[in-house]
Amino acid sequence: MTGTSPASPKRVLVVEDDDVNAFVVEEMLLALGYDPEVARDGRQAVDKACAEQFGIILMDIEMPRMDGLAATEAIRKAEGDAGHAACPVVGMSGHKTAGVRRLCELAGMTGYLTKPFTLDMLLQALEDAGNGTGAGGNYRAGADTAADDR
């Protein structure tokens, strides 16, 4: 982890291997006034997160080379080794089960969005992650937990 200046809260690393999904999330972030940068897999996400500072990371769960869970764990280790505060990481997946959300939490993610998600859901997850509400707030974003966890 390099750099000493604080990350802009509007700077978002989007980690997504699917070109269409990456484009859609990037456009949504631009529409919300954020400054997105895209990484195509977990390994690239770790490299970018260690070299640059971001206000938040949106992390796909299933990707080639390194999945989002392993990438988040590697980012958390690098932050700890460098003595830096944890950057909020919001997992993104089509899986709606509580088990997947729990795996994200155990990996060190601060939130979870179920794909597909709306602009409002994305904004809520960004706000929740940015103000530190973490698992108590945005782990539910994108899912009706009562219905989806059965």
N, C-alpha and C. Protein backbone atom coordinates (compact mmCIF):
# COMPACT_ATOMS: atom_id res chain seq x y z
N MET A 1 0.85 -1.16 0.00
CA MET A 1 0.00 0.00 0.00
C MET A 1 0.90 1.23 0.00
N THR A 2 0.71 2.07 -0.97
CA THR A 2 1.56 3.25 -1.09
C THR A 2 0.73 4.50 -0.96
N GLY A 3 1.44 5.62 -0.89
CA GLY A 3 0.77 6.91 -0.83
C GLY A 3 0.37 7.26 0.58
N THR A 4 0.44 8.54 0.88
CA THR A 4 0.09 8.98 2.22
C THR A 4 -1.14 9.85 2.24
N SER A 5 -1.55 10.36 1.09
CA SER A 5 -2.73 11.22 1.07
C SER A 5 -3.98 10.36 1.14
N PRO A 6 -5.01 10.86 1.80
CA PRO A 6 -6.23 10.08 1.91
C PRO A 6 -6.90 9.90 0.55
N ALA A 7 -7.59 8.78 0.39
CA ALA A 7 -8.29 8.51 -0.86
C ALA A 7 -9.50 9.41 -0.97
N SER A 8 -9.81 9.79 -2.20
CA SER A 8 -11.06 10.52 -2.45
C SER A 8 -12.21 9.56 -2.24
N PRO A 9 -13.21 9.95 -1.46
CA PRO A 9 -14.34 9.05 -1.26
C PRO A 9 -15.10 8.76 -2.55
N LYS A 10 -14.90 9.58 -3.56
CA LYS A 10 -15.59 9.39 -4.84
C LYS A 10 -14.82 8.47 -5.79
N ARG A 11 -13.61 8.07 -5.43
CA ARG A 11 -12.79 7.20 -6.28
C ARG A 11 -13.13 5.75 -5.97
N VAL A 12 -13.62 5.02 -6.98
CA VAL A 12 -14.11 3.66 -6.78
C VAL A 12 -13.36 2.70 -7.70
N LEU A 13 -12.83 1.63 -7.10
CA LEU A 13 -12.25 0.55 -7.89
C LEU A 13 -13.35 -0.48 -8.14
N VAL A 14 -13.67 -0.72 -9.41
CA VAL A 14 -14.67 -1.70 -9.81
C VAL A 14 -13.91 -2.94 -10.28
N VAL A 15 -14.11 -4.04 -9.57
CA VAL A 15 -13.42 -5.28 -9.91
C VAL A 15 -14.45 -6.23 -10.50
N GLU A 16 -14.38 -6.41 -11.82
CA GLU A 16 -15.40 -7.15 -12.54
C GLU A 16 -14.79 -7.72 -13.81
N ASP A 17 -14.89 -9.04 -14.01
CA ASP A 17 -14.30 -9.67 -15.18
C ASP A 17 -15.20 -9.64 -16.40
N ASP A 18 -16.50 -9.47 -16.21
CA ASP A 18 -17.43 -9.43 -17.33
C ASP A 18 -17.48 -8.02 -17.92
N ASP A 19 -17.19 -7.91 -19.21
CA ASP A 19 -17.13 -6.59 -19.86
C ASP A 19 -18.44 -5.81 -19.76
N VAL A 20 -19.57 -6.48 -19.98
CA VAL A 20 -20.86 -5.79 -19.93
C VAL A 20 -21.14 -5.30 -18.51
N ASN A 21 -20.94 -6.18 -17.53
CA ASN A 21 -21.18 -5.79 -16.13
C ASN A 21 -20.26 -4.64 -15.73
N ALA A 22 -18.99 -4.72 -16.13
CA ALA A 22 -18.05 -3.65 -15.79
C ALA A 22 -18.50 -2.32 -16.39
N PHE A 23 -18.94 -2.36 -17.64
CA PHE A 23 -19.41 -1.15 -18.31
C PHE A 23 -20.63 -0.57 -17.60
N VAL A 24 -21.59 -1.43 -17.26
CA VAL A 24 -22.82 -0.96 -16.62
C VAL A 24 -22.51 -0.32 -15.26
N VAL A 25 -21.69 -0.99 -14.45
CA VAL A 25 -21.36 -0.44 -13.13
C VAL A 25 -20.58 0.86 -13.27
N GLU A 26 -19.65 0.90 -14.21
CA GLU A 26 -18.88 2.12 -14.45
C GLU A 26 -19.79 3.28 -14.84
N GLU A 27 -20.74 3.04 -15.73
CA GLU A 27 -21.67 4.09 -16.15
C GLU A 27 -22.58 4.52 -15.01
N MET A 28 -23.01 3.58 -14.19
CA MET A 28 -23.84 3.92 -13.03
C MET A 28 -23.06 4.83 -12.07
N LEU A 29 -21.82 4.48 -11.83
CA LEU A 29 -20.98 5.28 -10.93
C LEU A 29 -20.76 6.68 -11.49
N LEU A 30 -20.51 6.78 -12.79
CA LEU A 30 -20.33 8.09 -13.41
C LEU A 30 -21.61 8.93 -13.26
N ALA A 31 -22.77 8.29 -13.44
CA ALA A 31 -24.04 9.00 -13.30
C ALA A 31 -24.26 9.50 -11.87
N LEU A 32 -23.66 8.81 -10.90
CA LEU A 32 -23.79 9.20 -9.49
C LEU A 32 -22.69 10.18 -9.06
N GLY A 33 -21.80 10.53 -10.00
CA GLY A 33 -20.75 11.49 -9.69
C GLY A 33 -19.49 10.88 -9.11
N TYR A 34 -19.33 9.57 -9.26
CA TYR A 34 -18.12 8.89 -8.78
C TYR A 34 -17.08 8.78 -9.88
N ASP A 35 -15.86 8.48 -9.49
CA ASP A 35 -14.72 8.36 -10.41
C ASP A 35 -14.28 6.89 -10.42
N PRO A 36 -14.85 6.07 -11.33
CA PRO A 36 -14.53 4.64 -11.33
C PRO A 36 -13.25 4.30 -12.09
N GLU A 37 -12.60 3.24 -11.61
CA GLU A 37 -11.49 2.62 -12.32
C GLU A 37 -11.76 1.13 -12.28
N VAL A 38 -11.48 0.42 -13.39
CA VAL A 38 -11.84 -0.99 -13.50
C VAL A 38 -10.60 -1.87 -13.42
N ALA A 39 -10.73 -2.96 -12.65
CA ALA A 39 -9.77 -4.06 -12.64
C ALA A 39 -10.53 -5.29 -13.13
N ARG A 40 -9.88 -6.14 -13.91
CA ARG A 40 -10.56 -7.26 -14.56
C ARG A 40 -10.51 -8.57 -13.78
N ASP A 41 -9.70 -8.66 -12.73
CA ASP A 41 -9.67 -9.86 -11.91
C ASP A 41 -9.11 -9.52 -10.54
N GLY A 42 -9.15 -10.49 -9.64
CA GLY A 42 -8.73 -10.25 -8.28
C GLY A 42 -7.26 -9.87 -8.15
N ARG A 43 -6.42 -10.49 -8.93
CA ARG A 43 -4.98 -10.19 -8.87
C ARG A 43 -4.74 -8.73 -9.26
N GLN A 44 -5.37 -8.28 -10.33
CA GLN A 44 -5.24 -6.89 -10.76
C GLN A 44 -5.81 -5.95 -9.70
N ALA A 45 -6.88 -6.36 -9.03
CA ALA A 45 -7.47 -5.55 -7.97
C ALA A 45 -6.50 -5.36 -6.81
N VAL A 46 -5.83 -6.43 -6.41
CA VAL A 46 -4.86 -6.34 -5.32
C VAL A 46 -3.73 -5.40 -5.72
N ASP A 47 -3.23 -5.55 -6.94
CA ASP A 47 -2.14 -4.69 -7.41
C ASP A 47 -2.56 -3.22 -7.40
N LYS A 48 -3.75 -2.94 -7.90
CA LYS A 48 -4.23 -1.55 -7.94
C LYS A 48 -4.48 -1.00 -6.54
N ALA A 49 -5.09 -1.81 -5.67
CA ALA A 49 -5.39 -1.37 -4.32
C ALA A 49 -4.11 -1.10 -3.52
N CYS A 50 -3.05 -1.83 -3.84
CA CYS A 50 -1.77 -1.62 -3.13
C CYS A 50 -0.99 -0.44 -3.70
N ALA A 51 -1.24 -0.09 -4.94
CA ALA A 51 -0.50 1.00 -5.59
C ALA A 51 -1.22 2.34 -5.53
N GLU A 52 -2.54 2.32 -5.39
CA GLU A 52 -3.34 3.54 -5.43
C GLU A 52 -4.32 3.53 -4.27
N GLN A 53 -4.92 4.69 -4.02
CA GLN A 53 -5.91 4.77 -2.96
C GLN A 53 -7.30 4.98 -3.54
N PHE A 54 -8.26 4.27 -2.97
CA PHE A 54 -9.64 4.34 -3.41
C PHE A 54 -10.53 4.60 -2.20
N GLY A 55 -11.66 5.26 -2.43
CA GLY A 55 -12.62 5.49 -1.37
C GLY A 55 -13.44 4.26 -1.07
N ILE A 56 -13.60 3.39 -2.08
CA ILE A 56 -14.36 2.16 -1.94
C ILE A 56 -13.97 1.21 -3.07
N ILE A 57 -14.14 -0.07 -2.83
CA ILE A 57 -13.89 -1.10 -3.84
C ILE A 57 -15.17 -1.90 -4.01
N LEU A 58 -15.64 -2.02 -5.24
CA LEU A 58 -16.76 -2.90 -5.58
C LEU A 58 -16.16 -4.16 -6.17
N MET A 59 -16.34 -5.31 -5.50
CA MET A 59 -15.61 -6.53 -5.83
C MET A 59 -16.54 -7.66 -6.26
N ASP A 60 -16.43 -8.07 -7.52
CA ASP A 60 -17.13 -9.27 -7.97
C ASP A 60 -16.59 -10.45 -7.17
N ILE A 61 -17.41 -11.44 -6.92
CA ILE A 61 -16.99 -12.57 -6.10
C ILE A 61 -16.30 -13.65 -6.94
N GLU A 62 -16.86 -13.96 -8.10
CA GLU A 62 -16.33 -15.04 -8.93
C GLU A 62 -15.61 -14.47 -10.15
N MET A 63 -14.27 -14.68 -10.16
CA MET A 63 -13.43 -14.17 -11.26
C MET A 63 -12.28 -15.14 -11.51
N PRO A 64 -11.67 -15.05 -12.69
CA PRO A 64 -10.50 -15.89 -12.97
C PRO A 64 -9.26 -15.39 -12.22
N ARG A 65 -8.23 -16.17 -12.21
CA ARG A 65 -6.92 -15.90 -11.59
C ARG A 65 -7.00 -15.79 -10.08
N MET A 66 -7.84 -14.93 -9.55
CA MET A 66 -8.04 -14.78 -8.11
C MET A 66 -9.46 -14.29 -7.90
N ASP A 67 -10.24 -15.01 -7.09
CA ASP A 67 -11.62 -14.59 -6.88
C ASP A 67 -11.69 -13.40 -5.92
N GLY A 68 -12.88 -12.85 -5.79
CA GLY A 68 -13.05 -11.65 -4.97
C GLY A 68 -12.81 -11.87 -3.50
N LEU A 69 -13.08 -13.07 -3.00
CA LEU A 69 -12.84 -13.36 -1.59
C LEU A 69 -11.34 -13.36 -1.29
N ALA A 70 -10.57 -14.06 -2.12
CA ALA A 70 -9.12 -14.11 -1.94
C ALA A 70 -8.50 -12.73 -2.14
N ALA A 71 -9.02 -11.98 -3.10
CA ALA A 71 -8.49 -10.63 -3.35
C ALA A 71 -8.74 -9.73 -2.15
N THR A 72 -9.93 -9.82 -1.57
CA THR A 72 -10.24 -9.00 -0.40
C THR A 72 -9.33 -9.37 0.77
N GLU A 73 -9.13 -10.66 0.98
CA GLU A 73 -8.23 -11.10 2.05
C GLU A 73 -6.81 -10.56 1.83
N ALA A 74 -6.34 -10.59 0.58
CA ALA A 74 -5.00 -10.08 0.27
C ALA A 74 -4.91 -8.57 0.49
N ILE A 75 -5.96 -7.86 0.12
CA ILE A 75 -6.00 -6.40 0.33
C ILE A 75 -5.99 -6.10 1.82
N ARG A 76 -6.80 -6.84 2.59
CA ARG A 76 -6.84 -6.62 4.04
C ARG A 76 -5.48 -6.89 4.68
N LYS A 77 -4.79 -7.93 4.22
CA LYS A 77 -3.46 -8.24 4.75
C LYS A 77 -2.48 -7.12 4.43
N ALA A 78 -2.51 -6.63 3.19
CA ALA A 78 -1.61 -5.54 2.79
C ALA A 78 -1.89 -4.28 3.58
N GLU A 79 -3.17 -3.98 3.80
CA GLU A 79 -3.53 -2.80 4.61
C GLU A 79 -2.99 -2.94 6.02
N GLY A 80 -3.16 -4.11 6.60
CA GLY A 80 -2.68 -4.36 7.95
C GLY A 80 -1.18 -4.27 8.05
N ASP A 81 -0.49 -4.88 7.08
CA ASP A 81 0.98 -4.85 7.07
C ASP A 81 1.50 -3.42 6.96
N ALA A 82 0.78 -2.57 6.22
CA ALA A 82 1.20 -1.19 6.01
C ALA A 82 0.68 -0.25 7.09
N GLY A 83 -0.20 -0.75 7.95
CA GLY A 83 -0.78 0.09 8.99
C GLY A 83 -1.81 1.08 8.47
N HIS A 84 -2.42 0.76 7.33
CA HIS A 84 -3.44 1.64 6.75
C HIS A 84 -4.83 1.23 7.19
N ALA A 85 -5.73 2.19 7.22
CA ALA A 85 -7.13 1.91 7.51
C ALA A 85 -7.72 1.07 6.38
N ALA A 86 -8.69 0.27 6.72
CA ALA A 86 -9.33 -0.60 5.73
C ALA A 86 -10.21 0.20 4.79
N CYS A 87 -10.01 0.00 3.49
CA CYS A 87 -10.87 0.58 2.47
C CYS A 87 -12.15 -0.25 2.41
N PRO A 88 -13.32 0.36 2.41
CA PRO A 88 -14.55 -0.43 2.30
C PRO A 88 -14.57 -1.25 1.02
N VAL A 89 -14.93 -2.53 1.14
CA VAL A 89 -15.07 -3.43 0.00
C VAL A 89 -16.49 -3.98 0.01
N VAL A 90 -17.21 -3.76 -1.09
CA VAL A 90 -18.57 -4.26 -1.24
C VAL A 90 -18.54 -5.38 -2.27
N GLY A 91 -18.93 -6.58 -1.84
CA GLY A 91 -18.99 -7.71 -2.75
C GLY A 91 -20.17 -7.59 -3.69
N MET A 92 -20.00 -8.11 -4.90
CA MET A 92 -21.08 -8.12 -5.90
C MET A 92 -21.21 -9.54 -6.43
N SER A 93 -22.44 -10.07 -6.42
CA SER A 93 -22.65 -11.42 -6.91
C SER A 93 -24.12 -11.62 -7.24
N GLY A 94 -24.38 -12.59 -8.08
CA GLY A 94 -25.75 -12.99 -8.39
C GLY A 94 -26.32 -13.92 -7.34
N HIS A 95 -25.48 -14.41 -6.43
CA HIS A 95 -25.93 -15.30 -5.37
C HIS A 95 -26.67 -14.50 -4.29
N LYS A 96 -27.81 -15.01 -3.87
CA LYS A 96 -28.64 -14.28 -2.91
C LYS A 96 -28.68 -14.94 -1.54
N THR A 97 -27.91 -15.97 -1.31
CA THR A 97 -28.01 -16.69 -0.05
C THR A 97 -27.21 -16.02 1.06
N ALA A 98 -27.66 -16.26 2.27
CA ALA A 98 -26.95 -15.73 3.44
C ALA A 98 -25.55 -16.32 3.53
N GLY A 99 -25.37 -17.55 3.07
CA GLY A 99 -24.06 -18.19 3.12
C GLY A 99 -23.01 -17.44 2.31
N VAL A 100 -23.37 -16.97 1.14
CA VAL A 100 -22.43 -16.21 0.31
C VAL A 100 -22.13 -14.87 0.97
N ARG A 101 -23.15 -14.22 1.48
CA ARG A 101 -22.93 -12.95 2.18
C ARG A 101 -22.00 -13.16 3.39
N ARG A 102 -22.18 -14.27 4.08
CA ARG A 102 -21.32 -14.56 5.24
C ARG A 102 -19.88 -14.79 4.81
N LEU A 103 -19.66 -15.48 3.71
CA LEU A 103 -18.30 -15.68 3.18
C LEU A 103 -17.65 -14.34 2.86
N CYS A 104 -18.43 -13.42 2.30
CA CYS A 104 -17.92 -12.09 1.98
C CYS A 104 -17.50 -11.37 3.26
N GLU A 105 -18.34 -11.46 4.27
CA GLU A 105 -18.04 -10.82 5.55
C GLU A 105 -16.78 -11.41 6.17
N LEU A 106 -16.65 -12.73 6.13
CA LEU A 106 -15.47 -13.40 6.70
C LEU A 106 -14.19 -13.04 5.95
N ALA A 107 -14.31 -12.77 4.65
CA ALA A 107 -13.14 -12.37 3.85
C ALA A 107 -12.71 -10.94 4.14
N GLY A 108 -13.56 -10.18 4.83
CA GLY A 108 -13.22 -8.80 5.16
C GLY A 108 -14.01 -7.76 4.40
N MET A 109 -15.03 -8.20 3.66
CA MET A 109 -15.87 -7.24 2.94
C MET A 109 -16.78 -6.52 3.92
N THR A 110 -17.10 -5.29 3.58
CA THR A 110 -17.93 -4.47 4.46
C THR A 110 -19.37 -4.39 3.99
N GLY A 111 -19.67 -4.99 2.85
CA GLY A 111 -21.02 -4.96 2.32
C GLY A 111 -21.20 -5.93 1.18
N TYR A 112 -22.42 -6.02 0.68
CA TYR A 112 -22.76 -6.98 -0.37
C TYR A 112 -23.90 -6.45 -1.21
N LEU A 113 -23.75 -6.55 -2.52
CA LEU A 113 -24.81 -6.20 -3.47
C LEU A 113 -25.14 -7.42 -4.31
N THR A 114 -26.43 -7.74 -4.41
CA THR A 114 -26.85 -8.83 -5.27
C THR A 114 -27.10 -8.28 -6.67
N LYS A 115 -26.47 -8.90 -7.69
CA LYS A 115 -26.68 -8.51 -9.08
C LYS A 115 -27.93 -9.21 -9.60
N PRO A 116 -28.69 -8.57 -10.46
CA PRO A 116 -28.51 -7.17 -10.88
C PRO A 116 -29.04 -6.23 -9.79
N PHE A 117 -28.46 -5.04 -9.74
CA PHE A 117 -28.91 -4.05 -8.77
C PHE A 117 -29.24 -2.75 -9.50
N THR A 118 -30.07 -1.96 -8.85
CA THR A 118 -30.51 -0.69 -9.42
C THR A 118 -29.53 0.43 -9.03
N LEU A 119 -29.70 1.56 -9.64
CA LEU A 119 -28.91 2.74 -9.31
C LEU A 119 -29.12 3.11 -7.84
N ASP A 120 -30.35 3.06 -7.38
CA ASP A 120 -30.65 3.38 -5.97
C ASP A 120 -29.98 2.40 -5.02
N MET A 121 -29.97 1.12 -5.36
CA MET A 121 -29.33 0.12 -4.51
C MET A 121 -27.83 0.34 -4.45
N LEU A 122 -27.24 0.68 -5.60
CA LEU A 122 -25.81 0.96 -5.64
C LEU A 122 -25.48 2.18 -4.79
N LEU A 123 -26.26 3.23 -4.94
CA LEU A 123 -26.04 4.44 -4.16
C LEU A 123 -26.14 4.16 -2.67
N GLN A 124 -27.12 3.38 -2.27
CA GLN A 124 -27.28 3.04 -0.85
C GLN A 124 -26.07 2.26 -0.34
N ALA A 125 -25.59 1.30 -1.13
CA ALA A 125 -24.42 0.51 -0.72
C ALA A 125 -23.18 1.40 -0.61
N LEU A 126 -23.01 2.33 -1.54
CA LEU A 126 -21.87 3.25 -1.49
C LEU A 126 -21.95 4.14 -0.25
N GLU A 127 -23.14 4.65 0.03
CA GLU A 127 -23.32 5.50 1.20
C GLU A 127 -23.11 4.72 2.49
N ASP A 128 -23.65 3.51 2.56
CA ASP A 128 -23.48 2.67 3.75
C ASP A 128 -22.01 2.36 3.99
N ALA A 129 -21.32 1.96 2.93
CA ALA A 129 -19.90 1.62 3.07
C ALA A 129 -19.08 2.85 3.43
N GLY A 130 -19.43 3.98 2.85
CA GLY A 130 -18.68 5.20 3.09
C GLY A 130 -18.86 5.78 4.48
N ASN A 131 -20.01 5.50 5.09
CA ASN A 131 -20.22 6.04 6.44
C ASN A 131 -20.01 5.00 7.52
N GLY A 132 -19.51 3.83 7.13
CA GLY A 132 -19.12 2.83 8.11
C GLY A 132 -20.24 1.98 8.68
N THR A 133 -21.42 1.98 8.05
CA THR A 133 -22.48 1.13 8.59
C THR A 133 -22.23 -0.34 8.29
N GLY A 134 -21.41 -0.61 7.28
CA GLY A 134 -20.93 -1.96 7.01
C GLY A 134 -21.98 -3.03 6.97
N ALA A 135 -21.67 -4.16 7.58
CA ALA A 135 -22.52 -5.35 7.48
C ALA A 135 -23.91 -5.12 8.00
N GLY A 136 -24.07 -4.25 8.96
CA GLY A 136 -25.39 -4.01 9.52
C GLY A 136 -26.31 -3.33 8.54
N GLY A 137 -25.76 -2.62 7.56
CA GLY A 137 -26.60 -1.93 6.60
C GLY A 137 -26.59 -2.59 5.25
N ASN A 138 -25.47 -2.50 4.54
CA ASN A 138 -25.51 -2.88 3.14
C ASN A 138 -25.29 -4.35 2.86
N TYR A 139 -25.18 -5.21 3.84
CA TYR A 139 -25.17 -6.64 3.54
C TYR A 139 -26.53 -7.07 3.04
N ARG A 140 -27.53 -6.25 3.28
CA ARG A 140 -28.87 -6.57 2.82
C ARG A 140 -29.17 -5.92 1.47
N ALA A 141 -28.32 -5.06 0.98
CA ALA A 141 -28.61 -4.36 -0.27
C ALA A 141 -28.81 -5.34 -1.40
N GLY A 142 -29.87 -5.14 -2.13
CA GLY A 142 -30.09 -5.96 -3.32
C GLY A 142 -30.81 -7.26 -3.03
N ALA A 143 -31.20 -7.51 -1.80
CA ALA A 143 -31.84 -8.79 -1.53
C ALA A 143 -32.90 -8.63 -0.45
N ASP A 144 -33.99 -9.30 -0.65
CA ASP A 144 -34.99 -9.43 0.39
C ASP A 144 -34.55 -10.65 1.19
N THR A 145 -33.85 -10.42 2.30
CA THR A 145 -33.22 -11.52 3.02
C THR A 145 -34.23 -12.52 3.53
N ALA A 146 -35.40 -12.11 3.88
CA ALA A 146 -36.38 -13.05 4.39
C ALA A 146 -36.78 -14.06 3.30
N ALA A 147 -36.90 -13.58 2.07
CA ALA A 147 -37.30 -14.45 0.97
C ALA A 147 -36.12 -15.20 0.37
N ASP A 148 -34.96 -14.53 0.25
CA ASP A 148 -33.84 -15.11 -0.47
C ASP A 148 -33.03 -16.10 0.35
N ASP A 149 -33.14 -16.09 1.65
CA ASP A 149 -32.31 -16.94 2.47
C ASP A 149 -32.99 -18.27 2.84
N ARG A 150 -34.15 -18.50 2.28
CA ARG A 150 -34.85 -19.76 2.58
C ARG A 150 -34.21 -20.89 1.85
